[in-house]
Amino acid sequence: MSETKPRPGLWKRAAVVWAGVLAFLWLVLVLDWIVPANFVAWGIEPRSVEGLTGIATAPVLHADAAHLAANSLPLFVLGLVSVLRSVPDFVFATVVVVLVSGIGVWLTAPPHTVTVGASGLIFGYFGYLLGRGVFLRSGVDIAVAVGVFVVYGSMIWGVLPSAGPVSWQGHLFGFAGGALAAFLVSRREKRRPQDSPATA
């Protein structure tokens, strides 16, 4: 399997994009304070037809400033690292994580609750980066996985059932979605023909 390196300058462009994503999330929260509407109601309401729309909208909604502040740094860091290896794989992984995390929450969250927040994405990127190291087994991906685990390894406890307002279901299914995306990416990479050796 051939090693791929990020294109020069990609990390700078990715950092700008992710800064823009965070700015958008904060703008949504501010609008929720200003506009006479309850944006949180557009989150995932389990096992209701209306709640299905929350699968797409929940990641951009947050309960309050403390909730978004807690998510901002890990979302920026893990999202940035995830996109550097491969932009198409990152887009694919994001779609898989949003769907698996959202559907998992919709199926298993307690009744009469509404789930919002980017935690599913955060745990998804965490699972995706670890999964790339496990399934792709390239030197770079293994190094990235080790680095991510050293910095954010304690997050793994967030997938376990717990009491309180934190959606451990979103964490668990987000992580599972990220690992699934990494597995699917690795299968595609293994089916891809290897580059032919260059001849002089």
N, C-alpha and C. Protein backbone atom coordinates (compact mmCIF):
# COMPACT_ATOMS: atom_id res chain seq x y z
N MET A 1 0.85 -1.20 0.00
CA MET A 1 0.00 0.00 0.00
C MET A 1 0.88 1.24 0.00
N SER A 2 0.62 2.13 -0.90
CA SER A 2 1.46 3.32 -1.03
C SER A 2 1.12 4.34 0.04
N GLU A 3 2.13 5.03 0.52
CA GLU A 3 1.92 6.10 1.48
C GLU A 3 1.51 7.37 0.76
N THR A 4 0.59 8.09 1.33
CA THR A 4 0.19 9.37 0.75
C THR A 4 0.50 10.47 1.75
N LYS A 5 1.01 11.57 1.25
CA LYS A 5 1.33 12.70 2.10
C LYS A 5 0.36 13.84 1.80
N PRO A 6 -0.01 14.63 2.82
CA PRO A 6 -0.88 15.77 2.56
C PRO A 6 -0.25 16.72 1.56
N ARG A 7 -1.06 17.27 0.67
CA ARG A 7 -0.55 18.24 -0.29
C ARG A 7 -0.03 19.47 0.45
N PRO A 8 1.03 20.11 -0.07
CA PRO A 8 1.59 21.30 0.59
C PRO A 8 0.51 22.37 0.79
N GLY A 9 0.46 22.90 1.98
CA GLY A 9 -0.51 23.96 2.26
C GLY A 9 -1.89 23.46 2.64
N LEU A 10 -2.12 22.13 2.55
CA LEU A 10 -3.46 21.62 2.84
C LEU A 10 -3.84 21.89 4.29
N TRP A 11 -2.87 21.73 5.20
CA TRP A 11 -3.21 21.92 6.61
C TRP A 11 -3.64 23.35 6.90
N LYS A 12 -3.04 24.32 6.18
CA LYS A 12 -3.43 25.72 6.39
C LYS A 12 -4.86 25.96 5.91
N ARG A 13 -5.17 25.42 4.70
CA ARG A 13 -6.52 25.58 4.18
C ARG A 13 -7.53 24.85 5.06
N ALA A 14 -7.15 23.66 5.52
CA ALA A 14 -8.06 22.90 6.39
C ALA A 14 -8.30 23.62 7.70
N ALA A 15 -7.24 24.23 8.25
CA ALA A 15 -7.39 24.97 9.50
C ALA A 15 -8.33 26.16 9.33
N VAL A 16 -8.23 26.83 8.19
CA VAL A 16 -9.13 27.96 7.92
C VAL A 16 -10.57 27.48 7.80
N VAL A 17 -10.76 26.35 7.09
CA VAL A 17 -12.11 25.80 6.93
C VAL A 17 -12.70 25.41 8.28
N TRP A 18 -11.90 24.74 9.11
CA TRP A 18 -12.42 24.33 10.41
C TRP A 18 -12.67 25.52 11.33
N ALA A 19 -11.86 26.54 11.21
CA ALA A 19 -12.15 27.77 11.97
C ALA A 19 -13.49 28.35 11.52
N GLY A 20 -13.75 28.28 10.21
CA GLY A 20 -15.03 28.74 9.70
C GLY A 20 -16.18 27.90 10.20
N VAL A 21 -15.96 26.58 10.29
CA VAL A 21 -17.01 25.69 10.83
C VAL A 21 -17.34 26.07 12.26
N LEU A 22 -16.32 26.29 13.08
CA LEU A 22 -16.55 26.67 14.47
C LEU A 22 -17.26 28.02 14.55
N ALA A 23 -16.86 28.96 13.71
CA ALA A 23 -17.53 30.26 13.69
C ALA A 23 -19.00 30.10 13.35
N PHE A 24 -19.30 29.21 12.40
CA PHE A 24 -20.69 28.95 12.03
C PHE A 24 -21.47 28.36 13.20
N LEU A 25 -20.87 27.42 13.93
CA LEU A 25 -21.55 26.82 15.08
C LEU A 25 -21.86 27.86 16.15
N TRP A 26 -20.91 28.77 16.39
CA TRP A 26 -21.15 29.83 17.37
C TRP A 26 -22.20 30.81 16.87
N LEU A 27 -22.22 31.06 15.56
CA LEU A 27 -23.25 31.93 15.00
C LEU A 27 -24.63 31.32 15.18
N VAL A 28 -24.74 30.02 14.95
CA VAL A 28 -26.03 29.34 15.15
C VAL A 28 -26.48 29.48 16.60
N LEU A 29 -25.54 29.32 17.54
CA LEU A 29 -25.89 29.44 18.95
C LEU A 29 -26.35 30.86 19.29
N VAL A 30 -25.64 31.86 18.77
CA VAL A 30 -26.04 33.25 19.02
C VAL A 30 -27.42 33.53 18.43
N LEU A 31 -27.67 33.03 17.23
CA LEU A 31 -28.98 33.21 16.62
C LEU A 31 -30.07 32.55 17.45
N ASP A 32 -29.73 31.43 18.07
CA ASP A 32 -30.70 30.75 18.93
C ASP A 32 -31.06 31.61 20.13
N TRP A 33 -30.09 32.43 20.59
CA TRP A 33 -30.37 33.34 21.69
C TRP A 33 -31.24 34.52 21.24
N ILE A 34 -31.01 34.96 20.00
CA ILE A 34 -31.66 36.19 19.52
C ILE A 34 -33.03 35.92 18.91
N VAL A 35 -33.08 34.92 18.05
CA VAL A 35 -34.32 34.63 17.31
C VAL A 35 -35.33 33.98 18.25
N PRO A 36 -36.59 34.39 18.18
CA PRO A 36 -37.61 33.78 19.06
C PRO A 36 -38.01 32.40 18.56
N ALA A 37 -37.07 31.48 18.59
CA ALA A 37 -37.34 30.10 18.19
C ALA A 37 -36.41 29.20 19.00
N ASN A 38 -36.86 27.99 19.23
CA ASN A 38 -36.07 27.05 20.01
C ASN A 38 -35.35 26.10 19.06
N PHE A 39 -34.10 26.45 18.69
CA PHE A 39 -33.35 25.63 17.74
C PHE A 39 -33.11 24.22 18.26
N VAL A 40 -32.96 24.09 19.57
CA VAL A 40 -32.67 22.78 20.16
C VAL A 40 -33.77 21.78 19.84
N ALA A 41 -34.97 22.27 19.64
CA ALA A 41 -36.09 21.39 19.31
C ALA A 41 -35.87 20.67 17.98
N TRP A 42 -34.92 21.14 17.18
CA TRP A 42 -34.63 20.49 15.89
C TRP A 42 -33.60 19.39 16.04
N GLY A 43 -33.32 18.99 17.26
CA GLY A 43 -32.39 17.89 17.49
C GLY A 43 -33.04 16.54 17.25
N ILE A 44 -32.38 15.50 17.71
CA ILE A 44 -32.86 14.14 17.49
C ILE A 44 -33.85 13.76 18.60
N GLU A 45 -35.09 13.61 18.24
CA GLU A 45 -36.11 13.12 19.16
C GLU A 45 -36.30 11.64 18.88
N PRO A 46 -35.95 10.78 19.83
CA PRO A 46 -35.91 9.34 19.52
C PRO A 46 -37.26 8.76 19.13
N ARG A 47 -37.19 7.92 18.10
CA ARG A 47 -38.31 7.11 17.63
C ARG A 47 -39.54 7.91 17.27
N SER A 48 -39.31 9.12 16.76
CA SER A 48 -40.39 9.93 16.22
C SER A 48 -40.04 10.31 14.79
N VAL A 49 -41.04 10.38 13.93
CA VAL A 49 -40.79 10.73 12.54
C VAL A 49 -40.17 12.11 12.44
N GLU A 50 -40.69 13.07 13.24
CA GLU A 50 -40.15 14.42 13.21
C GLU A 50 -38.69 14.45 13.66
N GLY A 51 -38.35 13.56 14.59
CA GLY A 51 -36.99 13.54 15.12
C GLY A 51 -35.95 13.07 14.13
N LEU A 52 -36.38 12.46 13.02
CA LEU A 52 -35.42 11.99 12.02
C LEU A 52 -34.65 13.15 11.38
N THR A 53 -35.28 14.31 11.26
CA THR A 53 -34.58 15.46 10.67
C THR A 53 -33.41 15.89 11.54
N GLY A 54 -33.47 15.58 12.83
CA GLY A 54 -32.40 15.94 13.74
C GLY A 54 -31.10 15.21 13.46
N ILE A 55 -31.17 14.09 12.73
CA ILE A 55 -29.94 13.38 12.38
C ILE A 55 -29.00 14.30 11.62
N ALA A 56 -29.57 15.15 10.76
CA ALA A 56 -28.75 16.08 9.97
C ALA A 56 -28.47 17.37 10.72
N THR A 57 -29.41 17.83 11.55
CA THR A 57 -29.26 19.15 12.18
C THR A 57 -28.60 19.12 13.55
N ALA A 58 -28.70 18.01 14.25
CA ALA A 58 -28.20 17.95 15.63
C ALA A 58 -26.73 18.33 15.78
N PRO A 59 -25.83 17.92 14.85
CA PRO A 59 -24.41 18.25 15.05
C PRO A 59 -24.10 19.75 15.06
N VAL A 60 -24.98 20.58 14.51
CA VAL A 60 -24.69 22.02 14.48
C VAL A 60 -25.41 22.76 15.60
N LEU A 61 -26.18 22.06 16.42
CA LEU A 61 -26.94 22.68 17.49
C LEU A 61 -26.32 22.33 18.84
N HIS A 62 -26.36 23.29 19.77
CA HIS A 62 -25.83 23.05 21.11
C HIS A 62 -26.75 23.67 22.15
N ALA A 63 -26.74 23.05 23.33
CA ALA A 63 -27.65 23.48 24.38
C ALA A 63 -27.32 24.86 24.92
N ASP A 64 -26.03 25.16 25.05
CA ASP A 64 -25.61 26.46 25.58
C ASP A 64 -24.14 26.68 25.23
N ALA A 65 -23.62 27.82 25.68
CA ALA A 65 -22.24 28.18 25.36
C ALA A 65 -21.24 27.21 25.97
N ALA A 66 -21.51 26.73 27.17
CA ALA A 66 -20.59 25.79 27.82
C ALA A 66 -20.51 24.49 27.03
N HIS A 67 -21.65 24.05 26.50
CA HIS A 67 -21.69 22.83 25.69
C HIS A 67 -20.84 22.99 24.44
N LEU A 68 -21.01 24.08 23.73
CA LEU A 68 -20.25 24.32 22.50
C LEU A 68 -18.78 24.56 22.80
N ALA A 69 -18.48 25.27 23.88
CA ALA A 69 -17.09 25.53 24.23
C ALA A 69 -16.35 24.22 24.51
N ALA A 70 -17.02 23.28 25.18
CA ALA A 70 -16.40 21.99 25.48
C ALA A 70 -16.13 21.19 24.21
N ASN A 71 -16.96 21.39 23.18
CA ASN A 71 -16.80 20.64 21.95
C ASN A 71 -15.85 21.29 20.94
N SER A 72 -15.61 22.58 21.08
CA SER A 72 -14.92 23.33 20.03
C SER A 72 -13.49 22.84 19.77
N LEU A 73 -12.66 22.74 20.82
CA LEU A 73 -11.26 22.37 20.62
C LEU A 73 -11.11 20.95 20.08
N PRO A 74 -11.73 19.92 20.71
CA PRO A 74 -11.56 18.57 20.16
C PRO A 74 -12.13 18.43 18.75
N LEU A 75 -13.21 19.15 18.44
CA LEU A 75 -13.76 19.09 17.09
C LEU A 75 -12.77 19.67 16.09
N PHE A 76 -12.15 20.80 16.45
CA PHE A 76 -11.17 21.44 15.57
C PHE A 76 -9.96 20.53 15.36
N VAL A 77 -9.41 20.01 16.45
CA VAL A 77 -8.18 19.22 16.36
C VAL A 77 -8.42 17.91 15.62
N LEU A 78 -9.42 17.14 16.05
CA LEU A 78 -9.66 15.84 15.44
C LEU A 78 -10.17 15.98 14.01
N GLY A 79 -10.98 17.00 13.75
CA GLY A 79 -11.44 17.24 12.40
C GLY A 79 -10.30 17.62 11.48
N LEU A 80 -9.41 18.48 11.97
CA LEU A 80 -8.26 18.91 11.17
C LEU A 80 -7.35 17.74 10.85
N VAL A 81 -7.02 16.92 11.85
CA VAL A 81 -6.14 15.78 11.61
C VAL A 81 -6.81 14.78 10.66
N SER A 82 -8.12 14.60 10.80
CA SER A 82 -8.83 13.64 9.95
C SER A 82 -8.78 14.02 8.48
N VAL A 83 -8.88 15.30 8.18
CA VAL A 83 -8.96 15.73 6.78
C VAL A 83 -7.60 15.73 6.10
N LEU A 84 -6.52 15.75 6.87
CA LEU A 84 -5.18 15.88 6.27
C LEU A 84 -4.76 14.62 5.51
N ARG A 85 -5.19 13.44 5.91
CA ARG A 85 -4.77 12.22 5.24
C ARG A 85 -5.39 12.09 3.87
N SER A 86 -6.69 12.42 3.76
CA SER A 86 -7.38 12.31 2.47
C SER A 86 -8.70 13.06 2.57
N VAL A 87 -8.88 14.06 1.73
CA VAL A 87 -10.11 14.85 1.76
C VAL A 87 -11.33 14.00 1.37
N PRO A 88 -11.28 13.23 0.27
CA PRO A 88 -12.45 12.40 -0.07
C PRO A 88 -12.79 11.39 1.03
N ASP A 89 -11.77 10.76 1.63
CA ASP A 89 -12.03 9.81 2.72
C ASP A 89 -12.64 10.53 3.91
N PHE A 90 -12.19 11.74 4.18
CA PHE A 90 -12.74 12.52 5.29
C PHE A 90 -14.22 12.83 5.06
N VAL A 91 -14.58 13.25 3.85
CA VAL A 91 -15.98 13.55 3.54
C VAL A 91 -16.83 12.30 3.70
N PHE A 92 -16.33 11.18 3.18
CA PHE A 92 -17.03 9.91 3.31
C PHE A 92 -17.21 9.54 4.78
N ALA A 93 -16.14 9.67 5.57
CA ALA A 93 -16.21 9.34 7.00
C ALA A 93 -17.21 10.22 7.72
N THR A 94 -17.25 11.50 7.39
CA THR A 94 -18.18 12.41 8.05
C THR A 94 -19.62 12.00 7.79
N VAL A 95 -19.93 11.63 6.55
CA VAL A 95 -21.29 11.19 6.23
C VAL A 95 -21.64 9.92 7.00
N VAL A 96 -20.71 8.97 7.04
CA VAL A 96 -20.97 7.72 7.76
C VAL A 96 -21.18 7.99 9.24
N VAL A 97 -20.34 8.83 9.83
CA VAL A 97 -20.45 9.14 11.26
C VAL A 97 -21.78 9.81 11.58
N VAL A 98 -22.16 10.79 10.79
CA VAL A 98 -23.42 11.50 11.04
C VAL A 98 -24.59 10.53 10.97
N LEU A 99 -24.60 9.65 9.98
CA LEU A 99 -25.71 8.71 9.82
C LEU A 99 -25.73 7.67 10.94
N VAL A 100 -24.59 7.05 11.21
CA VAL A 100 -24.55 6.00 12.23
C VAL A 100 -24.83 6.57 13.61
N SER A 101 -24.20 7.69 13.93
CA SER A 101 -24.43 8.31 15.23
C SER A 101 -25.88 8.75 15.38
N GLY A 102 -26.40 9.43 14.35
CA GLY A 102 -27.77 9.94 14.43
C GLY A 102 -28.79 8.84 14.51
N ILE A 103 -28.66 7.83 13.68
CA ILE A 103 -29.62 6.72 13.70
C ILE A 103 -29.52 5.95 15.01
N GLY A 104 -28.29 5.76 15.50
CA GLY A 104 -28.11 5.08 16.77
C GLY A 104 -28.79 5.82 17.91
N VAL A 105 -28.63 7.14 17.95
CA VAL A 105 -29.30 7.95 18.98
C VAL A 105 -30.81 7.86 18.82
N TRP A 106 -31.28 7.97 17.58
CA TRP A 106 -32.73 7.93 17.33
C TRP A 106 -33.34 6.62 17.80
N LEU A 107 -32.59 5.53 17.66
CA LEU A 107 -33.11 4.21 18.04
C LEU A 107 -33.00 3.93 19.53
N THR A 108 -31.99 4.47 20.20
CA THR A 108 -31.69 4.01 21.57
C THR A 108 -31.78 5.07 22.66
N ALA A 109 -31.86 6.34 22.32
CA ALA A 109 -31.91 7.37 23.37
C ALA A 109 -33.19 7.24 24.18
N PRO A 110 -33.17 7.69 25.42
CA PRO A 110 -34.38 7.60 26.26
C PRO A 110 -35.52 8.40 25.65
N PRO A 111 -36.76 7.97 25.89
CA PRO A 111 -37.91 8.71 25.37
C PRO A 111 -38.01 10.11 25.99
N HIS A 112 -38.67 11.00 25.29
CA HIS A 112 -38.91 12.37 25.76
C HIS A 112 -37.60 13.14 25.96
N THR A 113 -36.61 12.84 25.16
CA THR A 113 -35.37 13.59 25.19
C THR A 113 -35.10 14.14 23.78
N VAL A 114 -34.26 15.17 23.73
CA VAL A 114 -33.81 15.72 22.45
C VAL A 114 -32.28 15.83 22.52
N THR A 115 -31.61 15.21 21.57
CA THR A 115 -30.14 15.17 21.57
C THR A 115 -29.58 16.15 20.55
N VAL A 116 -28.66 17.00 20.99
CA VAL A 116 -27.98 17.95 20.09
C VAL A 116 -26.50 17.95 20.43
N GLY A 117 -25.70 18.48 19.52
CA GLY A 117 -24.28 18.67 19.78
C GLY A 117 -23.40 17.92 18.80
N ALA A 118 -22.16 18.37 18.73
CA ALA A 118 -21.18 17.79 17.80
C ALA A 118 -20.39 16.65 18.41
N SER A 119 -20.79 16.17 19.58
CA SER A 119 -20.04 15.10 20.24
C SER A 119 -19.97 13.84 19.39
N GLY A 120 -21.06 13.54 18.67
CA GLY A 120 -21.04 12.37 17.80
C GLY A 120 -19.96 12.48 16.74
N LEU A 121 -19.80 13.68 16.17
CA LEU A 121 -18.73 13.90 15.19
C LEU A 121 -17.35 13.76 15.84
N ILE A 122 -17.20 14.32 17.03
CA ILE A 122 -15.91 14.26 17.72
C ILE A 122 -15.50 12.81 17.97
N PHE A 123 -16.41 12.03 18.53
CA PHE A 123 -16.10 10.62 18.78
C PHE A 123 -15.96 9.85 17.48
N GLY A 124 -16.68 10.30 16.44
CA GLY A 124 -16.55 9.67 15.13
C GLY A 124 -15.17 9.86 14.55
N TYR A 125 -14.66 11.09 14.60
CA TYR A 125 -13.31 11.35 14.09
C TYR A 125 -12.26 10.62 14.94
N PHE A 126 -12.51 10.53 16.23
CA PHE A 126 -11.62 9.79 17.12
C PHE A 126 -11.57 8.32 16.68
N GLY A 127 -12.73 7.71 16.47
CA GLY A 127 -12.78 6.32 16.03
C GLY A 127 -12.20 6.14 14.64
N TYR A 128 -12.42 7.12 13.78
CA TYR A 128 -11.91 7.05 12.41
C TYR A 128 -10.39 7.06 12.38
N LEU A 129 -9.78 7.96 13.15
CA LEU A 129 -8.32 8.05 13.17
C LEU A 129 -7.69 6.80 13.79
N LEU A 130 -8.28 6.31 14.88
CA LEU A 130 -7.77 5.07 15.47
C LEU A 130 -7.96 3.91 14.50
N GLY A 131 -9.13 3.88 13.84
CA GLY A 131 -9.42 2.80 12.90
C GLY A 131 -8.49 2.79 11.71
N ARG A 132 -8.11 3.97 11.21
CA ARG A 132 -7.17 4.03 10.09
C ARG A 132 -5.84 3.37 10.48
N GLY A 133 -5.39 3.63 11.71
CA GLY A 133 -4.16 3.00 12.16
C GLY A 133 -4.26 1.49 12.23
N VAL A 134 -5.42 1.00 12.67
CA VAL A 134 -5.63 -0.44 12.82
C VAL A 134 -5.81 -1.12 11.47
N PHE A 135 -6.65 -0.54 10.61
CA PHE A 135 -7.04 -1.23 9.37
C PHE A 135 -6.09 -0.96 8.20
N LEU A 136 -5.58 0.28 8.10
CA LEU A 136 -4.70 0.59 6.97
C LEU A 136 -3.25 0.18 7.24
N ARG A 137 -2.84 0.27 8.50
CA ARG A 137 -1.52 -0.20 8.92
C ARG A 137 -0.37 0.46 8.17
N SER A 138 -0.58 1.69 7.75
CA SER A 138 0.52 2.44 7.16
C SER A 138 1.25 3.16 8.29
N GLY A 139 2.52 3.44 8.07
CA GLY A 139 3.31 4.07 9.12
C GLY A 139 2.73 5.38 9.59
N VAL A 140 2.28 6.21 8.64
CA VAL A 140 1.74 7.52 9.01
C VAL A 140 0.46 7.37 9.81
N ASP A 141 -0.45 6.49 9.35
CA ASP A 141 -1.73 6.33 10.03
C ASP A 141 -1.55 5.74 11.42
N ILE A 142 -0.61 4.82 11.58
CA ILE A 142 -0.34 4.26 12.90
C ILE A 142 0.20 5.35 13.82
N ALA A 143 1.12 6.17 13.31
CA ALA A 143 1.68 7.26 14.13
C ALA A 143 0.59 8.24 14.54
N VAL A 144 -0.31 8.57 13.60
CA VAL A 144 -1.41 9.48 13.91
C VAL A 144 -2.32 8.87 14.96
N ALA A 145 -2.65 7.58 14.81
CA ALA A 145 -3.52 6.91 15.76
C ALA A 145 -2.92 6.91 17.16
N VAL A 146 -1.61 6.63 17.23
CA VAL A 146 -0.94 6.63 18.54
C VAL A 146 -0.99 8.03 19.16
N GLY A 147 -0.68 9.04 18.34
CA GLY A 147 -0.71 10.42 18.85
C GLY A 147 -2.09 10.82 19.33
N VAL A 148 -3.11 10.48 18.55
CA VAL A 148 -4.48 10.82 18.94
C VAL A 148 -4.86 10.10 20.23
N PHE A 149 -4.46 8.84 20.36
CA PHE A 149 -4.82 8.10 21.58
C PHE A 149 -4.11 8.68 22.79
N VAL A 150 -2.86 9.09 22.62
CA VAL A 150 -2.12 9.67 23.75
C VAL A 150 -2.81 10.95 24.24
N VAL A 151 -3.28 11.77 23.29
CA VAL A 151 -3.88 13.05 23.67
C VAL A 151 -5.34 12.90 24.11
N TYR A 152 -6.09 12.07 23.36
CA TYR A 152 -7.54 12.00 23.59
C TYR A 152 -8.02 10.62 24.03
N GLY A 153 -7.10 9.75 24.41
CA GLY A 153 -7.48 8.38 24.76
C GLY A 153 -8.51 8.28 25.87
N SER A 154 -8.50 9.22 26.79
CA SER A 154 -9.46 9.16 27.90
C SER A 154 -10.90 9.34 27.42
N MET A 155 -11.06 9.82 26.18
CA MET A 155 -12.41 9.97 25.63
C MET A 155 -13.13 8.64 25.55
N ILE A 156 -12.40 7.54 25.47
CA ILE A 156 -13.00 6.24 25.24
C ILE A 156 -14.03 5.90 26.31
N TRP A 157 -13.83 6.46 27.52
CA TRP A 157 -14.78 6.19 28.60
C TRP A 157 -16.13 6.83 28.32
N GLY A 158 -16.16 7.80 27.42
CA GLY A 158 -17.41 8.47 27.11
C GLY A 158 -18.40 7.63 26.35
N VAL A 159 -17.97 6.45 25.84
CA VAL A 159 -18.89 5.59 25.10
C VAL A 159 -19.67 4.66 26.03
N LEU A 160 -19.32 4.66 27.31
CA LEU A 160 -19.98 3.76 28.25
C LEU A 160 -21.26 4.39 28.78
N PRO A 161 -22.28 3.57 29.06
CA PRO A 161 -23.54 4.10 29.60
C PRO A 161 -23.32 4.89 30.87
N SER A 162 -23.99 6.03 30.97
CA SER A 162 -23.85 6.88 32.14
C SER A 162 -25.15 7.63 32.37
N ALA A 163 -25.34 8.04 33.61
CA ALA A 163 -26.52 8.84 33.94
C ALA A 163 -26.24 10.30 33.65
N GLY A 164 -27.30 11.09 33.57
CA GLY A 164 -27.13 12.52 33.35
C GLY A 164 -27.50 12.92 31.94
N PRO A 165 -27.29 14.21 31.63
CA PRO A 165 -27.74 14.74 30.34
C PRO A 165 -26.83 14.44 29.16
N VAL A 166 -25.63 13.89 29.41
CA VAL A 166 -24.70 13.63 28.32
C VAL A 166 -25.17 12.41 27.53
N SER A 167 -25.20 12.53 26.21
CA SER A 167 -25.65 11.43 25.36
C SER A 167 -24.52 10.45 25.09
N TRP A 168 -24.39 9.45 25.96
CA TRP A 168 -23.38 8.44 25.71
C TRP A 168 -23.71 7.64 24.45
N GLN A 169 -25.01 7.62 24.08
CA GLN A 169 -25.39 6.93 22.85
C GLN A 169 -24.76 7.61 21.63
N GLY A 170 -24.76 8.95 21.63
CA GLY A 170 -24.14 9.67 20.54
C GLY A 170 -22.65 9.41 20.47
N HIS A 171 -22.01 9.32 21.64
CA HIS A 171 -20.58 9.02 21.70
C HIS A 171 -20.30 7.62 21.16
N LEU A 172 -21.06 6.65 21.64
CA LEU A 172 -20.84 5.25 21.27
C LEU A 172 -21.04 5.04 19.78
N PHE A 173 -22.18 5.51 19.26
CA PHE A 173 -22.47 5.28 17.85
C PHE A 173 -21.62 6.17 16.94
N GLY A 174 -21.20 7.34 17.43
CA GLY A 174 -20.27 8.15 16.68
C GLY A 174 -18.94 7.44 16.52
N PHE A 175 -18.43 6.89 17.62
CA PHE A 175 -17.17 6.14 17.59
C PHE A 175 -17.29 4.94 16.66
N ALA A 176 -18.42 4.22 16.77
CA ALA A 176 -18.64 3.05 15.91
C ALA A 176 -18.70 3.47 14.44
N GLY A 177 -19.35 4.61 14.16
CA GLY A 177 -19.42 5.10 12.79
C GLY A 177 -18.05 5.44 12.23
N GLY A 178 -17.21 6.06 13.06
CA GLY A 178 -15.86 6.39 12.63
C GLY A 178 -15.03 5.14 12.35
N ALA A 179 -15.14 4.14 13.23
CA ALA A 179 -14.42 2.89 13.02
C ALA A 179 -14.92 2.19 11.76
N LEU A 180 -16.24 2.20 11.54
CA LEU A 180 -16.81 1.60 10.34
C LEU A 180 -16.29 2.31 9.08
N ALA A 181 -16.25 3.63 9.12
CA ALA A 181 -15.75 4.39 7.97
C ALA A 181 -14.29 4.03 7.68
N ALA A 182 -13.48 3.91 8.73
CA ALA A 182 -12.08 3.54 8.54
C ALA A 182 -11.96 2.15 7.93
N PHE A 183 -12.80 1.22 8.37
CA PHE A 183 -12.79 -0.13 7.82
C PHE A 183 -13.17 -0.12 6.34
N LEU A 184 -14.22 0.63 5.99
CA LEU A 184 -14.65 0.70 4.60
C LEU A 184 -13.59 1.36 3.72
N VAL A 185 -12.94 2.40 4.25
CA VAL A 185 -11.87 3.06 3.51
C VAL A 185 -10.72 2.08 3.28
N SER A 186 -10.39 1.29 4.29
CA SER A 186 -9.28 0.33 4.15
C SER A 186 -9.62 -0.74 3.13
N ARG A 187 -10.86 -1.18 3.09
CA ARG A 187 -11.27 -2.17 2.09
C ARG A 187 -11.11 -1.60 0.68
N ARG A 188 -11.50 -0.35 0.52
CA ARG A 188 -11.38 0.29 -0.79
C ARG A 188 -9.92 0.46 -1.19
N GLU A 189 -9.08 0.82 -0.21
CA GLU A 189 -7.66 1.00 -0.49
C GLU A 189 -7.02 -0.34 -0.91
N LYS A 190 -7.42 -1.43 -0.27
CA LYS A 190 -6.83 -2.73 -0.57
C LYS A 190 -7.26 -3.24 -1.94
N ARG A 191 -8.44 -2.80 -2.40
CA ARG A 191 -8.90 -3.21 -3.73
C ARG A 191 -8.31 -2.36 -4.83
N ARG A 192 -7.76 -1.18 -4.46
CA ARG A 192 -7.22 -0.27 -5.45
C ARG A 192 -5.90 -0.82 -5.98
N PRO A 193 -5.71 -0.84 -7.32
CA PRO A 193 -4.46 -1.34 -7.88
C PRO A 193 -3.27 -0.53 -7.38
N GLN A 194 -2.20 -1.22 -7.06
CA GLN A 194 -0.99 -0.54 -6.59
C GLN A 194 -0.31 0.17 -7.76
N ASP A 195 0.39 1.25 -7.46
CA ASP A 195 1.11 1.99 -8.49
C ASP A 195 2.18 1.10 -9.12
N SER A 196 2.30 1.17 -10.42
CA SER A 196 3.33 0.41 -11.12
C SER A 196 4.69 1.06 -10.86
N PRO A 197 5.75 0.27 -10.73
CA PRO A 197 7.07 0.87 -10.49
C PRO A 197 7.50 1.70 -11.69
N ALA A 198 8.13 2.82 -11.40
CA ALA A 198 8.59 3.71 -12.47
C ALA A 198 9.82 3.12 -13.14
N THR A 199 9.92 3.35 -14.43
CA THR A 199 11.10 2.88 -15.16
C THR A 199 11.81 4.06 -15.80
N ALA A 200 13.12 4.01 -15.85
CA ALA A 200 13.91 5.10 -16.40
C ALA A 200 14.05 4.92 -17.92
